[in-house]
Amino acid sequence: MESEVVRKASAAHHAARQLAAASTIQKNQALAYMADALEAHEADILAANEQDLVAARAKGMSPAMLDRLTLDAERIQGIAAGVRQVIKLEDPVGQLLDEWTRPNGLRIQKVTVPLGVIAIIYESRPNVTVDAAVLCIKSGNACVLRGGSESICSNTALAQVLKEGLAKSGLSADGIGLLENTDRALVKELLTLRRYIDLAIPRGGAGLIHMVTTTATVPCIETGSGVCHVYVDKDADLDMAVRIIENAKVSRPSTCNAMETLLVHRDIAAPLMAKLIPVMKERHVELRGDSTIQGADDMVRPAAEDDWKTEYNALIMSVKTVDSLAEALDHIRRYSTHHSETIVTENEETAQLFLRDVDSAAVYVNASTRFTDGFEFGFGAEIGISTQKLHVRGPMGLTALVTYKYLIHGQGQVR
């Protein structure tokens, strides 16, 4: 008897052929039906989400993870709006990337095509169910989704609504498959199902990402893990620095683009901390710092080696003083997960050196790391943030979900 993984992956594989050939109009109509269905079934979705929340609270889930799990009317409206934004985006399929004619008369075209079937493995954020499915459908791909057990009720309700919208458009509902069995053994089966799965994308914490990248025999993209840094240079506007630090750490600490480590040039450490510490106290942020930073206030706890490499996903921030830009760069090279880093400085030469030498997917001057996001980059909904270099890097929107093939036109040429 076939497992749920094989059954749904096989069905998605067959549906992918139809989706690859679907017109832009038909795909956009499917997305419009999905957005309408999300709003129409809001009460059902919220009821399912409440089941997950009750179980999560009983298990002692952290506030940060509960925030990721929670849906409400406003968030559902935002999710539906995100679907409608994707409708407005250009179809990435069938784009002519290049063309040329060889001396023998062969005309060669390089054209974008869907990847096929994409497996997305994620944790407690049910909005990923919608983001992933919508981006896959718009880019002509089928998907097999495997969310965490803590969000199974929410994910099941959302997937049913999305499949309803897909079927209403005349496309196969099998283009969206959700694994409802939460047995972790099924994840390995999914990640090694090379005959049906063309790409795997994990979204979640470092543990999930490591498991996927070390288990998969299908191609996969490493995403998400975010030990992000803000470096405040000696030539920084300190009031600007405080605003950026507060936003990068506090606005949503559970996300991968939240800042975890603050690097401060020693020349401005005292005046910066005098401005920053009252704000951090008001925002209930725990500071862990080196000896210089500990001397600024009794609230600062000693930082250990592990703090520099920890993605807290919480209101905790490690702070280190450095003597130069070079020392800041060395620290980032050693501890960064290659996600997002920021420099705050008024010195253009220093800013350019930081932009050149930091090897991360997103590198900022005088802006919060929280902007590393598909929506903020203008990509619409996002399927993940790649921290590797192939085949995509940074926020992954529609154009990250296609590959290309060559179309060659001849008049009887032989080699």
Protein backbone atom coordinates (compact mmCIF):
# COMPACT_ATOMS: atom_id res chain seq x y z
CA MET A 1 0.00 0.00 0.00
CA GLU A 2 1.36 3.42 -0.95
CA SER A 3 2.19 5.82 1.83
CA GLU A 4 0.56 9.25 2.06
CA VAL A 5 3.86 10.75 0.90
CA VAL A 6 4.03 8.70 -2.30
CA ARG A 7 0.32 9.12 -2.99
CA LYS A 8 0.31 12.90 -2.69
CA ALA A 9 3.70 13.42 -4.34
CA SER A 10 2.63 11.25 -7.29
CA ALA A 11 -0.62 13.19 -7.62
CA ALA A 12 1.29 16.48 -7.48
CA HIS A 13 3.70 15.19 -10.13
CA HIS A 14 0.80 14.58 -12.51
CA ALA A 15 -0.84 17.91 -11.65
CA ALA A 16 2.44 19.72 -12.31
CA ARG A 17 2.18 18.98 -16.02
CA GLN A 18 -1.18 20.74 -16.19
CA LEU A 19 0.06 23.68 -14.12
CA ALA A 20 3.14 24.10 -16.29
CA ALA A 21 0.90 24.51 -19.33
CA ALA A 22 -1.69 26.75 -17.62
CA SER A 23 -2.08 30.29 -18.91
CA THR A 24 -1.39 33.36 -16.81
CA ILE A 25 -5.12 34.15 -16.87
CA GLN A 26 -6.04 30.72 -15.55
CA LYS A 27 -3.42 30.80 -12.78
CA ASN A 28 -4.47 34.27 -11.71
CA GLN A 29 -8.12 33.19 -11.65
CA ALA A 30 -7.18 30.32 -9.36
CA LEU A 31 -5.42 32.73 -7.01
CA ALA A 32 -8.42 35.07 -7.00
CA TYR A 33 -10.68 32.17 -6.03
CA MET A 34 -8.23 31.24 -3.27
CA ALA A 35 -8.19 34.76 -1.82
CA ASP A 36 -11.99 34.88 -1.84
CA ALA A 37 -12.19 31.45 -0.20
CA LEU A 38 -9.80 32.48 2.58
CA GLU A 39 -12.11 35.34 3.50
CA ALA A 40 -15.27 33.28 3.10
CA HIS A 41 -13.95 30.53 5.38
CA GLU A 42 -12.40 32.83 7.98
CA ALA A 43 -14.49 31.41 10.85
CA ASP A 44 -13.52 27.82 9.99
CA ILE A 45 -9.85 28.72 9.75
CA LEU A 46 -9.87 30.56 13.08
CA ALA A 47 -11.66 27.67 14.79
CA ALA A 48 -9.01 25.26 13.53
CA ASN A 49 -6.26 27.63 14.61
CA GLU A 50 -7.74 27.83 18.11
CA GLN A 51 -7.45 24.03 18.38
CA ASP A 52 -3.74 24.32 17.63
CA LEU A 53 -3.29 27.18 20.10
CA VAL A 54 -5.02 25.31 22.93
CA ALA A 55 -2.74 22.31 22.39
CA ALA A 56 0.36 24.53 22.08
CA ARG A 57 -0.35 26.38 25.33
CA ALA A 58 -0.90 23.08 27.12
CA LYS A 59 2.56 21.97 25.95
CA GLY A 60 4.15 25.21 27.19
CA MET A 61 5.03 26.69 23.81
CA SER A 62 7.08 29.90 24.10
CA PRO A 63 5.44 33.30 23.49
CA ALA A 64 7.54 33.81 20.34
CA MET A 65 6.40 30.51 18.85
CA LEU A 66 2.79 31.13 19.88
CA ASP A 67 2.96 34.41 17.99
CA ARG A 68 4.11 32.56 14.87
CA LEU A 69 1.26 30.07 15.25
CA THR A 70 -1.53 32.57 15.89
CA LEU A 71 -4.05 33.60 13.25
CA ASP A 72 -6.71 36.27 13.70
CA ALA A 73 -9.09 38.12 11.41
CA GLU A 74 -6.52 40.80 10.63
CA ARG A 75 -3.84 38.26 9.72
CA ILE A 76 -6.21 36.32 7.48
CA GLN A 77 -7.15 39.54 5.71
CA GLY A 78 -3.45 40.24 5.29
CA ILE A 79 -2.84 36.75 3.90
CA ALA A 80 -5.68 37.17 1.39
CA ALA A 81 -4.31 40.58 0.41
CA GLY A 82 -0.93 38.97 -0.15
CA VAL A 83 -2.51 36.46 -2.52
CA ARG A 84 -4.07 39.28 -4.51
CA GLN A 85 -0.74 41.05 -4.68
CA VAL A 86 0.80 37.96 -6.28
CA ILE A 87 -1.93 38.08 -8.95
CA LYS A 88 -0.59 41.49 -9.99
CA LEU A 89 2.97 40.23 -10.36
CA GLU A 90 4.40 39.26 -13.72
CA ASP A 91 4.18 35.59 -14.61
CA PRO A 92 7.74 34.22 -14.37
CA VAL A 93 7.03 31.35 -16.79
CA GLY A 94 7.80 31.65 -20.50
CA GLN A 95 10.14 34.62 -20.17
CA LEU A 96 12.72 34.88 -22.93
CA LEU A 97 16.04 35.33 -21.12
CA ASP A 98 18.31 35.33 -24.15
CA GLU A 99 18.47 34.30 -27.80
CA TRP A 100 21.14 34.07 -30.43
CA THR A 101 21.91 32.47 -33.78
CA ARG A 102 24.92 30.24 -34.33
CA PRO A 103 27.08 30.40 -37.49
CA ASN A 104 25.44 27.16 -38.68
CA GLY A 105 22.02 28.84 -38.58
CA LEU A 106 20.69 27.25 -35.38
CA ARG A 107 18.56 29.76 -33.46
CA ILE A 108 18.81 29.19 -29.69
CA GLN A 109 16.41 30.62 -27.11
CA LYS A 110 16.77 30.47 -23.32
CA VAL A 111 13.26 30.42 -21.77
CA THR A 112 12.01 30.13 -18.18
CA VAL A 113 10.02 27.03 -17.16
CA PRO A 114 8.59 25.74 -13.84
CA LEU A 115 10.70 23.50 -11.61
CA GLY A 116 7.97 20.84 -11.27
CA VAL A 117 7.04 19.63 -7.77
CA ILE A 118 8.36 21.56 -4.78
CA ALA A 119 8.31 20.12 -1.25
CA ILE A 120 8.13 22.73 1.51
CA ILE A 121 8.89 21.62 5.08
CA TYR A 122 8.09 24.20 7.72
CA GLU A 123 7.24 24.65 11.39
CA SER A 124 4.60 26.56 13.28
CA ARG A 125 3.66 29.39 10.88
CA PRO A 126 0.40 28.48 9.12
CA ASN A 127 0.67 31.48 6.79
CA VAL A 128 3.48 29.57 5.07
CA THR A 129 0.85 27.11 3.83
CA VAL A 130 -0.72 29.91 1.81
CA ASP A 131 2.49 31.69 0.78
CA ALA A 132 4.07 28.50 -0.49
CA ALA A 133 1.02 27.24 -2.36
CA VAL A 134 0.27 30.58 -3.99
CA LEU A 135 3.82 31.16 -5.22
CA CYS A 136 4.04 27.61 -6.53
CA ILE A 137 0.76 27.88 -8.46
CA LYS A 138 1.63 31.27 -9.96
CA SER A 139 5.01 29.91 -11.12
CA GLY A 140 3.39 26.81 -12.64
CA ASN A 141 4.63 24.38 -9.99
CA ALA A 142 2.80 21.83 -7.87
CA CYS A 143 3.68 21.58 -4.18
CA VAL A 144 3.70 19.07 -1.36
CA LEU A 145 3.52 20.80 2.02
CA ARG A 146 4.60 19.39 5.36
CA GLY A 147 3.96 21.74 8.28
CA GLY A 148 4.68 21.12 11.95
CA SER A 149 2.43 19.00 14.14
CA GLU A 150 1.70 22.06 16.28
CA SER A 151 -0.12 23.72 13.34
CA ILE A 152 -1.76 20.69 11.73
CA CYS A 153 -5.36 21.81 12.30
CA SER A 154 -4.68 25.28 10.87
CA ASN A 155 -2.73 23.92 7.91
CA THR A 156 -5.40 21.35 7.08
CA ALA A 157 -8.14 23.99 7.08
CA LEU A 158 -6.07 26.36 4.94
CA ALA A 159 -5.08 23.66 2.45
CA GLN A 160 -8.71 22.61 1.99
CA VAL A 161 -9.68 26.21 1.25
CA LEU A 162 -6.82 26.63 -1.24
CA LYS A 163 -7.60 23.37 -3.02
CA GLU A 164 -11.22 24.50 -3.32
CA GLY A 165 -10.10 27.67 -5.10
CA LEU A 166 -7.74 25.75 -7.36
CA ALA A 167 -10.42 23.26 -8.41
CA LYS A 168 -12.91 26.08 -9.05
CA SER A 169 -10.55 27.48 -11.68
CA GLY A 170 -10.50 24.17 -13.54
CA LEU A 171 -6.99 23.23 -12.42
CA SER A 172 -6.25 20.00 -10.55
CA ALA A 173 -6.65 20.31 -6.78
CA ASP A 174 -3.75 17.83 -6.53
CA GLY A 175 -1.46 20.74 -7.38
CA ILE A 176 -1.51 21.44 -3.64
CA GLY A 177 -0.82 18.47 -1.37
CA LEU A 178 -0.60 18.68 2.41
CA LEU A 179 0.79 15.78 4.45
CA GLU A 180 -1.68 15.31 7.30
CA ASN A 181 0.26 12.51 8.99
CA THR A 182 2.69 14.29 11.34
CA ASP A 183 5.01 11.30 11.80
CA ARG A 184 8.54 12.66 11.34
CA ALA A 185 9.60 9.52 9.52
CA LEU A 186 7.53 10.69 6.55
CA VAL A 187 9.74 13.76 6.14
CA LYS A 188 12.74 11.57 5.26
CA GLU A 189 10.61 9.72 2.74
CA LEU A 190 9.57 13.02 1.17
CA LEU A 191 13.14 14.33 1.04
CA THR A 192 14.41 11.23 -0.76
CA LEU A 193 11.57 10.82 -3.26
CA ARG A 194 13.60 11.76 -6.30
CA ARG A 195 11.16 10.36 -8.85
CA TYR A 196 8.49 12.91 -7.89
CA ILE A 197 10.12 15.80 -5.96
CA ASP A 198 12.22 18.32 -7.88
CA LEU A 199 13.19 20.67 -5.03
CA ALA A 200 12.87 20.84 -1.24
CA ILE A 201 12.71 24.09 0.72
CA PRO A 202 12.80 24.15 4.54
CA ARG A 203 11.38 27.07 6.51
CA GLY A 204 12.00 27.15 10.24
CA GLY A 205 14.69 27.08 12.88
CA ALA A 206 18.29 25.92 12.61
CA GLY A 207 17.41 22.37 13.69
CA LEU A 208 14.83 21.88 10.95
CA ILE A 209 17.07 23.39 8.30
CA HIS A 210 20.00 21.18 9.31
CA MET A 211 17.79 18.08 9.27
CA VAL A 212 16.52 18.85 5.76
CA THR A 213 19.89 19.73 4.24
CA THR A 214 21.59 16.64 5.69
CA THR A 215 18.74 14.23 4.89
CA ALA A 216 17.64 15.29 1.41
CA THR A 217 18.76 13.43 -1.68
CA VAL A 218 16.58 15.75 -3.76
CA PRO A 219 17.99 19.23 -4.46
CA CYS A 220 17.27 21.59 -1.57
CA ILE A 221 17.74 25.23 -0.63
CA GLU A 222 19.09 26.20 2.78
CA THR A 223 16.92 28.97 4.19
CA GLY A 224 16.12 31.04 7.15
CA SER A 225 18.59 30.63 10.00
CA GLY A 226 19.31 34.21 10.98
CA VAL A 227 22.11 35.30 13.30
CA CYS A 228 21.88 38.86 11.98
CA HIS A 229 24.16 41.73 13.02
CA VAL A 230 23.99 45.50 13.31
CA TYR A 231 27.35 47.27 13.47
CA VAL A 232 27.34 50.85 14.80
CA ASP A 233 30.41 52.58 13.43
CA LYS A 234 32.33 55.39 15.13
CA ASP A 235 30.90 57.80 12.54
CA ALA A 236 27.27 56.81 13.12
CA ASP A 237 24.31 59.05 13.86
CA LEU A 238 23.54 57.62 17.31
CA ASP A 239 19.85 58.56 17.33
CA MET A 240 19.45 56.79 13.99
CA ALA A 241 21.36 53.82 15.38
CA VAL A 242 18.97 53.50 18.33
CA ARG A 243 15.95 53.58 16.02
CA ILE A 244 17.44 50.90 13.77
CA ILE A 245 18.49 48.66 16.67
CA GLU A 246 15.08 48.93 18.32
CA ASN A 247 13.29 48.03 15.12
CA ALA A 248 15.68 45.22 14.17
CA LYS A 249 15.39 43.59 17.60
CA VAL A 250 11.90 44.41 18.86
CA SER A 251 9.46 44.77 15.96
CA ARG A 252 9.13 40.99 15.61
CA PRO A 253 11.86 39.09 17.44
CA SER A 254 10.61 35.65 16.37
CA THR A 255 11.54 36.18 12.70
CA CYS A 256 14.78 35.15 11.01
CA ASN A 257 15.51 38.76 9.93
CA ALA A 258 15.53 40.05 13.52
CA MET A 259 18.91 41.28 14.73
CA GLU A 260 20.58 39.07 17.35
CA THR A 261 24.01 40.66 17.83
CA LEU A 262 24.93 44.34 18.12
CA LEU A 263 28.53 45.32 17.38
CA VAL A 264 29.58 48.74 18.68
CA HIS A 265 32.72 50.69 17.88
CA ARG A 266 34.55 51.37 21.16
CA ASP A 267 34.82 55.11 20.48
CA ILE A 268 31.04 55.58 20.69
CA ALA A 269 30.11 52.70 23.01
CA ALA A 270 29.45 54.88 26.08
CA PRO A 271 27.22 57.52 24.44
CA LEU A 272 25.37 54.91 22.38
CA MET A 273 24.60 52.70 25.38
CA ALA A 274 23.46 55.75 27.36
CA LYS A 275 20.81 56.31 24.67
CA LEU A 276 20.06 52.65 23.95
CA ILE A 277 19.72 51.08 27.40
CA PRO A 278 16.63 53.08 28.49
CA VAL A 279 14.91 52.05 25.26
CA MET A 280 15.83 48.39 25.76
CA LYS A 281 14.58 48.50 29.35
CA GLU A 282 11.27 49.96 28.22
CA ARG A 283 10.99 47.25 25.56
CA HIS A 284 11.94 44.46 28.02
CA VAL A 285 14.97 43.36 26.03
CA GLU A 286 17.59 41.35 27.90
CA LEU A 287 21.14 42.45 27.05
CA ARG A 288 24.16 40.15 27.20
CA GLY A 289 27.44 41.93 26.68
CA ASP A 290 31.20 41.91 27.00
CA SER A 291 32.94 43.61 29.93
CA THR A 292 32.74 47.09 28.37
CA ILE A 293 29.00 46.81 27.78
CA GLN A 294 28.42 45.31 31.23
CA GLY A 295 29.98 48.44 32.71
CA ALA A 296 27.29 50.59 31.09
CA ASP A 297 24.43 49.29 33.27
CA ASP A 298 23.63 46.60 35.82
CA MET A 299 20.96 45.21 33.50
CA VAL A 300 23.61 43.80 31.15
CA ARG A 301 24.41 40.15 31.81
CA PRO A 302 27.75 38.61 30.82
CA ALA A 303 27.83 37.23 27.29
CA ALA A 304 29.17 33.72 26.73
CA GLU A 305 30.75 32.34 23.57
CA ASP A 306 27.48 30.64 22.63
CA ASP A 307 25.66 33.99 22.62
CA TRP A 308 27.54 35.16 19.53
CA LYS A 309 26.22 32.20 17.52
CA THR A 310 22.69 31.98 18.94
CA GLU A 311 19.52 32.82 17.06
CA TYR A 312 17.39 33.79 20.07
CA ASN A 313 14.05 34.44 18.35
CA ALA A 314 13.24 36.31 21.56
CA LEU A 315 13.78 39.66 23.29
CA ILE A 316 17.44 38.91 23.97
CA MET A 317 20.37 40.69 22.35
CA SER A 318 24.11 40.12 22.57
CA VAL A 319 26.35 43.21 22.43
CA LYS A 320 30.08 43.37 21.71
CA THR A 321 32.50 46.27 21.42
CA VAL A 322 35.03 46.31 18.58
CA ASP A 323 38.02 48.52 17.91
CA SER A 324 37.59 48.83 14.15
CA LEU A 325 35.55 47.98 11.10
CA ALA A 326 38.00 45.14 10.43
CA GLU A 327 37.23 43.59 13.82
CA ALA A 328 33.49 43.91 13.19
CA LEU A 329 33.91 42.21 9.82
CA ASP A 330 35.95 39.39 11.39
CA HIS A 331 33.19 38.80 13.96
CA ILE A 332 30.51 38.70 11.27
CA ARG A 333 32.56 36.27 9.16
CA ARG A 334 32.95 33.96 12.13
CA TYR A 335 29.38 33.94 13.47
CA SER A 336 27.04 35.09 10.70
CA THR A 337 24.59 32.69 9.06
CA HIS A 338 24.89 34.79 5.86
CA HIS A 339 21.38 36.19 6.19
CA SER A 340 21.32 39.96 6.86
CA GLU A 341 23.79 42.49 8.28
CA THR A 342 23.61 46.26 8.74
CA ILE A 343 26.13 49.05 9.25
CA VAL A 344 25.09 52.38 10.73
CA THR A 345 27.53 55.07 9.62
CA GLU A 346 27.74 58.50 8.03
CA ASN A 347 31.09 57.61 6.45
CA GLU A 348 30.52 56.63 2.82
CA GLU A 349 33.92 54.97 2.43
CA THR A 350 33.31 52.79 5.49
CA ALA A 351 29.84 51.92 4.23
CA GLN A 352 31.20 50.82 0.86
CA LEU A 353 33.82 48.61 2.52
CA PHE A 354 31.10 46.96 4.62
CA LEU A 355 28.91 46.38 1.56
CA ARG A 356 31.84 44.86 -0.33
CA ASP A 357 33.28 42.64 2.39
CA VAL A 358 30.21 41.20 4.13
CA ASP A 359 29.26 37.90 2.50
CA SER A 360 25.56 37.73 3.34
CA ALA A 361 22.40 37.56 1.26
CA ALA A 362 21.33 41.09 2.28
CA VAL A 363 23.73 43.82 3.39
CA TYR A 364 22.38 47.20 4.53
CA VAL A 365 23.62 50.71 5.19
CA ASN A 366 21.54 52.72 7.69
CA ALA A 367 18.46 50.48 7.61
CA SER A 368 16.96 47.69 9.70
CA THR A 369 17.63 44.02 8.92
CA ARG A 370 13.86 43.52 9.18
CA PHE A 371 13.50 44.60 5.55
CA THR A 372 14.88 41.26 4.32
CA ASP A 373 11.50 39.97 3.26
CA GLY A 374 9.84 39.12 -0.03
CA PHE A 375 6.98 41.56 0.50
CA GLU A 376 9.33 44.41 1.47
CA PHE A 377 11.51 43.70 -1.58
CA GLY A 378 8.44 43.91 -3.82
CA PHE A 379 8.30 40.18 -4.58
CA GLY A 380 4.84 39.60 -3.09
CA ALA A 381 4.48 36.57 -0.83
CA GLU A 382 7.73 34.84 0.01
CA ILE A 383 8.59 31.16 0.01
CA GLY A 384 11.73 31.56 2.09
CA ILE A 385 15.02 33.41 2.46
CA SER A 386 17.96 31.57 0.98
CA THR A 387 21.25 31.85 2.87
CA GLN A 388 23.16 29.83 0.28
CA LYS A 389 24.51 30.94 -3.09
CA LEU A 390 22.92 28.49 -5.57
CA HIS A 391 20.57 28.69 -7.32
CA VAL A 392 19.02 31.66 -5.52
CA ARG A 393 19.98 33.93 -2.63
CA GLY A 394 17.99 36.13 -0.25
CA PRO A 395 14.18 36.52 -0.30
CA MET A 396 12.68 34.01 -2.70
CA GLY A 397 9.77 35.21 -4.76
CA LEU A 398 8.31 33.97 -8.03
CA THR A 399 11.49 34.22 -10.09
CA ALA A 400 13.24 31.87 -7.66
CA LEU A 401 10.75 29.11 -8.51
CA VAL A 402 11.56 28.71 -12.18
CA THR A 403 14.49 27.31 -14.05
CA TYR A 404 15.14 27.52 -17.78
CA LYS A 405 15.54 25.38 -20.83
CA TYR A 406 16.96 25.94 -24.28
CA LEU A 407 14.74 25.91 -27.36
CA ILE A 408 16.70 25.30 -30.55
CA HIS A 409 15.25 25.96 -34.01
CA GLY A 410 16.93 24.46 -37.06
CA GLN A 411 16.40 23.89 -40.76
CA GLY A 412 17.79 20.37 -41.03
CA GLN A 413 21.27 20.98 -39.58
CA VAL A 414 23.28 17.90 -38.56
CA ARG A 415 26.58 17.73 -36.69
